[in-house]
Amino acid sequence: MTISEAFSLAVKHHQNNDRTTAFKIYNEILNINPNHTASLNNLGVMSYEKKKFEEAINFFKRSIEINPKDDNVYNNLAVIYGELQKKKKSFEFYKKALEINDNNIDALYNLGRELKISRNYLESKIYYEKALQSMPDNDKASIGYGELLLAMNKQSEGLQYISKGAGVIVFGVTGLKINS
């Protein structure tokens, strides 16, 4: 089996929640090729999913040492630092991801979300709008942008984007409900 085939198999196991097998295969790949950045990245993702943040950070940093131009790894690091409430570092890594690829939809969405949480609505709006320019049918970005607009007291426009991203909006006695 080639490294490429082994990697595809590991991804399949990871997607099917067989993380033990995926973890084993990724590590076997790294035993053969210690510079296999995709395996390092996916091991970082798996560590993150298990809330082993320091381990995840180490995998991502190893990947960056090998390939400092992988915007997705910077995005992944930013997510972890956001989770650890290290906002400054999180923003730094989102912006690094966007320096490398200014259309990285995940980094645009995630940075927009983090800025919205920090109540930096105007800057958040910029990143959500860029995400929607790059990928107009991205449900996650539509919903996030809609929530931002609601927070900015732009209810009609906000509900339009949420509806676009989530499906049908129902108004009831208990408030707003989104049905997909």
C-alpha atoms as a PDB file:
ATOM      1  CA  MET A   1       0.000   0.000   0.000  1.00  0.00           C
ATOM      2  CA  THR A   2       1.336   3.457  -0.913  1.00  0.00           C
ATOM      3  CA  ILE A   3       1.469   6.332   1.557  1.00  0.00           C
ATOM      4  CA  SER A   4      -1.296   8.027  -0.406  1.00  0.00           C
ATOM      5  CA  GLU A   5      -3.517   4.938  -0.128  1.00  0.00           C
ATOM      6  CA  ALA A   6      -2.719   4.582   3.583  1.00  0.00           C
ATOM      7  CA  PHE A   7      -3.570   8.246   4.145  1.00  0.00           C
ATOM      8  CA  SER A   8      -6.907   7.861   2.337  1.00  0.00           C
ATOM      9  CA  LEU A   9      -7.668   4.825   4.477  1.00  0.00           C
ATOM     10  CA  ALA A  10      -6.799   6.729   7.669  1.00  0.00           C
ATOM     11  CA  VAL A  11      -9.068   9.614   6.617  1.00  0.00           C
ATOM     12  CA  LYS A  12     -11.886   7.158   5.955  1.00  0.00           C
ATOM     13  CA  HIS A  13     -11.463   5.643   9.439  1.00  0.00           C
ATOM     14  CA  HIS A  14     -11.316   9.123  10.975  1.00  0.00           C
ATOM     15  CA  GLN A  15     -14.528  10.164   9.183  1.00  0.00           C
ATOM     16  CA  ASN A  16     -16.234   6.968  10.365  1.00  0.00           C
ATOM     17  CA  ASN A  17     -15.227   7.750  13.974  1.00  0.00           C
ATOM     18  CA  ASP A  18     -12.769   4.862  14.126  1.00  0.00           C
ATOM     19  CA  ARG A  19     -10.149   7.146  15.584  1.00  0.00           C
ATOM     20  CA  THR A  20      -8.007   4.377  17.046  1.00  0.00           C
ATOM     21  CA  THR A  21      -7.349   2.876  13.616  1.00  0.00           C
ATOM     22  CA  ALA A  22      -6.922   6.309  12.020  1.00  0.00           C
ATOM     23  CA  PHE A  23      -4.439   7.328  14.713  1.00  0.00           C
ATOM     24  CA  LYS A  24      -2.450   4.132  14.176  1.00  0.00           C
ATOM     25  CA  ILE A  25      -2.324   4.565  10.379  1.00  0.00           C
ATOM     26  CA  TYR A  26      -1.321   8.254  10.580  1.00  0.00           C
ATOM     27  CA  ASN A  27       1.529   7.305  12.913  1.00  0.00           C
ATOM     28  CA  GLU A  28       2.623   4.458  10.607  1.00  0.00           C
ATOM     29  CA  ILE A  29       2.757   6.988   7.767  1.00  0.00           C
ATOM     30  CA  LEU A  30       4.916   9.282   9.916  1.00  0.00           C
ATOM     31  CA  ASN A  31       7.250   6.370  10.699  1.00  0.00           C
ATOM     32  CA  ILE A  32       7.836   6.023   6.946  1.00  0.00           C
ATOM     33  CA  ASN A  33       7.735   9.741   6.140  1.00  0.00           C
ATOM     34  CA  PRO A  34       8.158  12.007   9.189  1.00  0.00           C
ATOM     35  CA  ASN A  35       7.483  15.026   6.951  1.00  0.00           C
ATOM     36  CA  HIS A  36       3.969  13.961   5.916  1.00  0.00           C
ATOM     37  CA  THR A  37       2.225  17.192   6.865  1.00  0.00           C
ATOM     38  CA  ALA A  38      -1.299  15.979   6.115  1.00  0.00           C
ATOM     39  CA  SER A  39      -0.892  13.200   8.703  1.00  0.00           C
ATOM     40  CA  LEU A  40       0.520  15.681  11.219  1.00  0.00           C
ATOM     41  CA  ASN A  41      -2.412  18.001  10.579  1.00  0.00           C
ATOM     42  CA  ASN A  42      -4.981  15.236  10.974  1.00  0.00           C
ATOM     43  CA  LEU A  43      -3.331  13.993  14.165  1.00  0.00           C
ATOM     44  CA  GLY A  44      -3.599  17.577  15.393  1.00  0.00           C
ATOM     45  CA  VAL A  45      -7.288  17.619  14.526  1.00  0.00           C
ATOM     46  CA  MET A  46      -7.812  14.305  16.332  1.00  0.00           C
ATOM     47  CA  SER A  47      -5.973  15.607  19.401  1.00  0.00           C
ATOM     48  CA  TYR A  48      -8.132  18.727  19.327  1.00  0.00           C
ATOM     49  CA  GLU A  49     -11.280  16.587  19.153  1.00  0.00           C
ATOM     50  CA  LYS A  50     -10.102  14.802  22.310  1.00  0.00           C
ATOM     51  CA  LYS A  51      -9.485  18.213  23.960  1.00  0.00           C
ATOM     52  CA  LYS A  52      -5.744  17.479  24.090  1.00  0.00           C
ATOM     53  CA  PHE A  53      -4.896  21.008  23.063  1.00  0.00           C
ATOM     54  CA  GLU A  54      -1.160  21.049  23.790  1.00  0.00           C
ATOM     55  CA  GLU A  55      -0.686  17.814  21.850  1.00  0.00           C
ATOM     56  CA  ALA A  56      -2.678  19.266  18.943  1.00  0.00           C
ATOM     57  CA  ILE A  57      -0.615  22.463  18.997  1.00  0.00           C
ATOM     58  CA  ASN A  58       2.581  20.372  18.821  1.00  0.00           C
ATOM     59  CA  PHE A  59       1.340  18.435  15.775  1.00  0.00           C
ATOM     60  CA  PHE A  60       0.317  21.659  14.012  1.00  0.00           C
ATOM     61  CA  LYS A  61       3.620  23.386  14.812  1.00  0.00           C
ATOM     62  CA  ARG A  62       5.571  20.396  13.469  1.00  0.00           C
ATOM     63  CA  SER A  63       3.518  20.620  10.288  1.00  0.00           C
ATOM     64  CA  ILE A  64       4.248  24.353   9.958  1.00  0.00           C
ATOM     65  CA  GLU A  65       7.994  23.736  10.407  1.00  0.00           C
ATOM     66  CA  ILE A  66       7.838  21.451   7.377  1.00  0.00           C
ATOM     67  CA  ASN A  67       5.391  23.513   5.327  1.00  0.00           C
ATOM     68  CA  PRO A  68       4.988  27.108   6.529  1.00  0.00           C
ATOM     69  CA  LYS A  69       2.630  27.857   3.620  1.00  0.00           C
ATOM     70  CA  ASP A  70      -0.269  25.615   4.728  1.00  0.00           C
ATOM     71  CA  ASP A  71      -3.039  28.081   5.556  1.00  0.00           C
ATOM     72  CA  ASN A  72      -5.311  25.364   6.969  1.00  0.00           C
ATOM     73  CA  VAL A  73      -2.833  24.506   9.710  1.00  0.00           C
ATOM     74  CA  TYR A  74      -2.712  28.157  10.800  1.00  0.00           C
ATOM     75  CA  ASN A  75      -6.509  28.165  10.878  1.00  0.00           C
ATOM     76  CA  ASN A  76      -6.479  25.034  13.040  1.00  0.00           C
ATOM     77  CA  LEU A  77      -4.004  26.618  15.455  1.00  0.00           C
ATOM     78  CA  ALA A  78      -6.188  29.714  15.643  1.00  0.00           C
ATOM     79  CA  VAL A  79      -9.213  27.594  16.562  1.00  0.00           C
ATOM     80  CA  ILE A  80      -7.310  26.003  19.443  1.00  0.00           C
ATOM     81  CA  TYR A  81      -5.996  29.312  20.768  1.00  0.00           C
ATOM     82  CA  GLY A  82      -9.540  30.677  20.596  1.00  0.00           C
ATOM     83  CA  GLU A  83     -10.736  27.689  22.606  1.00  0.00           C
ATOM     84  CA  LEU A  84      -7.978  28.380  25.141  1.00  0.00           C
ATOM     85  CA  GLN A  85      -9.195  32.014  25.387  1.00  0.00           C
ATOM     86  CA  LYS A  86      -5.913  33.282  23.948  1.00  0.00           C
ATOM     87  CA  LYS A  87      -7.677  35.671  21.578  1.00  0.00           C
ATOM     88  CA  LYS A  88      -4.641  37.694  20.518  1.00  0.00           C
ATOM     89  CA  LYS A  89      -2.790  34.563  19.427  1.00  0.00           C
ATOM     90  CA  SER A  90      -5.950  33.201  17.819  1.00  0.00           C
ATOM     91  CA  PHE A  91      -6.432  36.378  15.729  1.00  0.00           C
ATOM     92  CA  GLU A  92      -2.746  36.307  14.785  1.00  0.00           C
ATOM     93  CA  PHE A  93      -3.026  32.777  13.361  1.00  0.00           C
ATOM     94  CA  TYR A  94      -6.306  33.488  11.512  1.00  0.00           C
ATOM     95  CA  LYS A  95      -4.650  36.489   9.894  1.00  0.00           C
ATOM     96  CA  LYS A  96      -1.580  34.403   9.010  1.00  0.00           C
ATOM     97  CA  ALA A  97      -3.856  31.841   7.330  1.00  0.00           C
ATOM     98  CA  LEU A  98      -5.482  34.669   5.362  1.00  0.00           C
ATOM     99  CA  GLU A  99      -2.085  36.149   4.398  1.00  0.00           C
ATOM    100  CA  ILE A 100      -1.318  32.831   2.720  1.00  0.00           C
ATOM    101  CA  ASN A 101      -4.792  32.332   1.244  1.00  0.00           C
ATOM    102  CA  ASP A 102      -7.148  35.287   1.481  1.00  0.00           C
ATOM    103  CA  ASN A 103     -10.043  33.052   0.389  1.00  0.00           C
ATOM    104  CA  ASN A 104      -9.671  30.424   3.128  1.00  0.00           C
ATOM    105  CA  ILE A 105     -13.378  30.142   3.907  1.00  0.00           C
ATOM    106  CA  ASP A 106     -12.819  28.500   7.297  1.00  0.00           C
ATOM    107  CA  ALA A 107     -10.411  31.216   8.455  1.00  0.00           C
ATOM    108  CA  LEU A 108     -12.746  33.960   7.178  1.00  0.00           C
ATOM    109  CA  TYR A 109     -15.749  32.422   8.921  1.00  0.00           C
ATOM    110  CA  ASN A 110     -13.876  31.586  12.130  1.00  0.00           C
ATOM    111  CA  LEU A 111     -12.299  35.030  12.404  1.00  0.00           C
ATOM    112  CA  GLY A 112     -15.676  36.646  11.745  1.00  0.00           C
ATOM    113  CA  ARG A 113     -17.210  34.476  14.475  1.00  0.00           C
ATOM    114  CA  GLU A 114     -14.457  35.250  17.005  1.00  0.00           C
ATOM    115  CA  LEU A 115     -14.708  38.985  16.311  1.00  0.00           C
ATOM    116  CA  LYS A 116     -18.502  38.782  16.686  1.00  0.00           C
ATOM    117  CA  ILE A 117     -18.091  37.051  20.063  1.00  0.00           C
ATOM    118  CA  SER A 118     -15.658  39.818  21.058  1.00  0.00           C
ATOM    119  CA  ARG A 119     -18.368  42.332  19.996  1.00  0.00           C
ATOM    120  CA  ASN A 120     -16.121  43.795  17.310  1.00  0.00           C
ATOM    121  CA  TYR A 121     -19.070  43.849  14.927  1.00  0.00           C
ATOM    122  CA  LEU A 122     -17.710  46.079  12.176  1.00  0.00           C
ATOM    123  CA  GLU A 123     -14.532  44.059  11.695  1.00  0.00           C
ATOM    124  CA  SER A 124     -16.501  40.816  12.002  1.00  0.00           C
ATOM    125  CA  LYS A 125     -18.802  42.023   9.212  1.00  0.00           C
ATOM    126  CA  ILE A 126     -15.814  42.439   6.883  1.00  0.00           C
ATOM    127  CA  TYR A 127     -14.726  38.808   7.309  1.00  0.00           C
ATOM    128  CA  TYR A 128     -18.228  37.348   7.027  1.00  0.00           C
ATOM    129  CA  GLU A 129     -18.856  39.372   3.858  1.00  0.00           C
ATOM    130  CA  LYS A 130     -15.566  38.196   2.347  1.00  0.00           C
ATOM    131  CA  ALA A 131     -16.480  34.589   3.231  1.00  0.00           C
ATOM    132  CA  LEU A 132     -19.836  34.998   1.505  1.00  0.00           C
ATOM    133  CA  GLN A 133     -18.176  36.637  -1.516  1.00  0.00           C
ATOM    134  CA  SER A 134     -15.875  33.629  -1.829  1.00  0.00           C
ATOM    135  CA  MET A 135     -18.628  31.091  -1.227  1.00  0.00           C
ATOM    136  CA  PRO A 136     -22.143  32.598  -1.410  1.00  0.00           C
ATOM    137  CA  ASP A 137     -23.885  29.307  -0.610  1.00  0.00           C
ATOM    138  CA  ASN A 138     -21.925  28.577   2.561  1.00  0.00           C
ATOM    139  CA  ASP A 139     -24.658  27.886   5.131  1.00  0.00           C
ATOM    140  CA  LYS A 140     -22.382  28.365   8.137  1.00  0.00           C
ATOM    141  CA  ALA A 141     -21.228  31.794   6.917  1.00  0.00           C
ATOM    142  CA  SER A 142     -24.805  32.818   6.052  1.00  0.00           C
ATOM    143  CA  ILE A 143     -26.061  31.900   9.508  1.00  0.00           C
ATOM    144  CA  GLY A 144     -23.091  33.547  11.254  1.00  0.00           C
ATOM    145  CA  TYR A 145     -23.528  36.707   9.207  1.00  0.00           C
ATOM    146  CA  GLY A 146     -27.252  36.690   9.922  1.00  0.00           C
ATOM    147  CA  GLU A 147     -26.598  36.388  13.666  1.00  0.00           C
ATOM    148  CA  LEU A 148     -24.120  39.254  13.424  1.00  0.00           C
ATOM    149  CA  LEU A 149     -26.680  41.438  11.662  1.00  0.00           C
ATOM    150  CA  LEU A 150     -29.233  40.614  14.363  1.00  0.00           C
ATOM    151  CA  ALA A 151     -26.687  41.668  17.004  1.00  0.00           C
ATOM    152  CA  MET A 152     -26.278  44.922  15.052  1.00  0.00           C
ATOM    153  CA  ASN A 153     -30.087  45.445  15.203  1.00  0.00           C
ATOM    154  CA  LYS A 154     -30.545  44.725  11.506  1.00  0.00           C
ATOM    155  CA  GLN A 155     -33.320  42.163  12.073  1.00  0.00           C
ATOM    156  CA  SER A 156     -34.810  41.961   8.598  1.00  0.00           C
ATOM    157  CA  GLU A 157     -31.473  41.526   6.839  1.00  0.00           C
ATOM    158  CA  GLY A 158     -30.202  39.185   9.569  1.00  0.00           C
ATOM    159  CA  LEU A 159     -33.236  36.908   9.329  1.00  0.00           C
ATOM    160  CA  GLN A 160     -32.818  36.819   5.556  1.00  0.00           C
ATOM    161  CA  TYR A 161     -29.281  35.422   5.883  1.00  0.00           C
ATOM    162  CA  ILE A 162     -30.238  32.979   8.633  1.00  0.00           C
ATOM    163  CA  SER A 163     -33.142  31.763   6.513  1.00  0.00           C
ATOM    164  CA  LYS A 164     -30.837  31.346   3.520  1.00  0.00           C
ATOM    165  CA  GLY A 165     -28.364  29.319   5.567  1.00  0.00           C
ATOM    166  CA  ALA A 166     -30.662  27.286   7.781  1.00  0.00           C
ATOM    167  CA  GLY A 167     -33.925  26.830   5.962  1.00  0.00           C
ATOM    168  CA  VAL A 168     -37.369  27.813   7.151  1.00  0.00           C
ATOM    169  CA  ILE A 169     -37.783  30.318   9.971  1.00  0.00           C
ATOM    170  CA  VAL A 170     -40.856  29.891  12.180  1.00  0.00           C
ATOM    171  CA  PHE A 171     -42.062  32.544  14.599  1.00  0.00           C
ATOM    172  CA  GLY A 172     -43.895  31.180  17.612  1.00  0.00           C
ATOM    173  CA  VAL A 173     -44.932  32.145  21.112  1.00  0.00           C
ATOM    174  CA  THR A 174     -41.528  31.130  22.438  1.00  0.00           C
ATOM    175  CA  GLY A 175     -39.689  33.148  19.808  1.00  0.00           C
ATOM    176  CA  LEU A 176     -37.698  32.305  16.738  1.00  0.00           C
ATOM    177  CA  LYS A 177     -37.164  28.707  15.627  1.00  0.00           C
ATOM    178  CA  ILE A 178     -35.109  27.556  12.657  1.00  0.00           C
ATOM    179  CA  ASN A 179     -36.180  24.391  10.852  1.00  0.00           C
ATOM    180  CA  SER A 180     -33.867  22.811   8.309  1.00  0.00           C
END
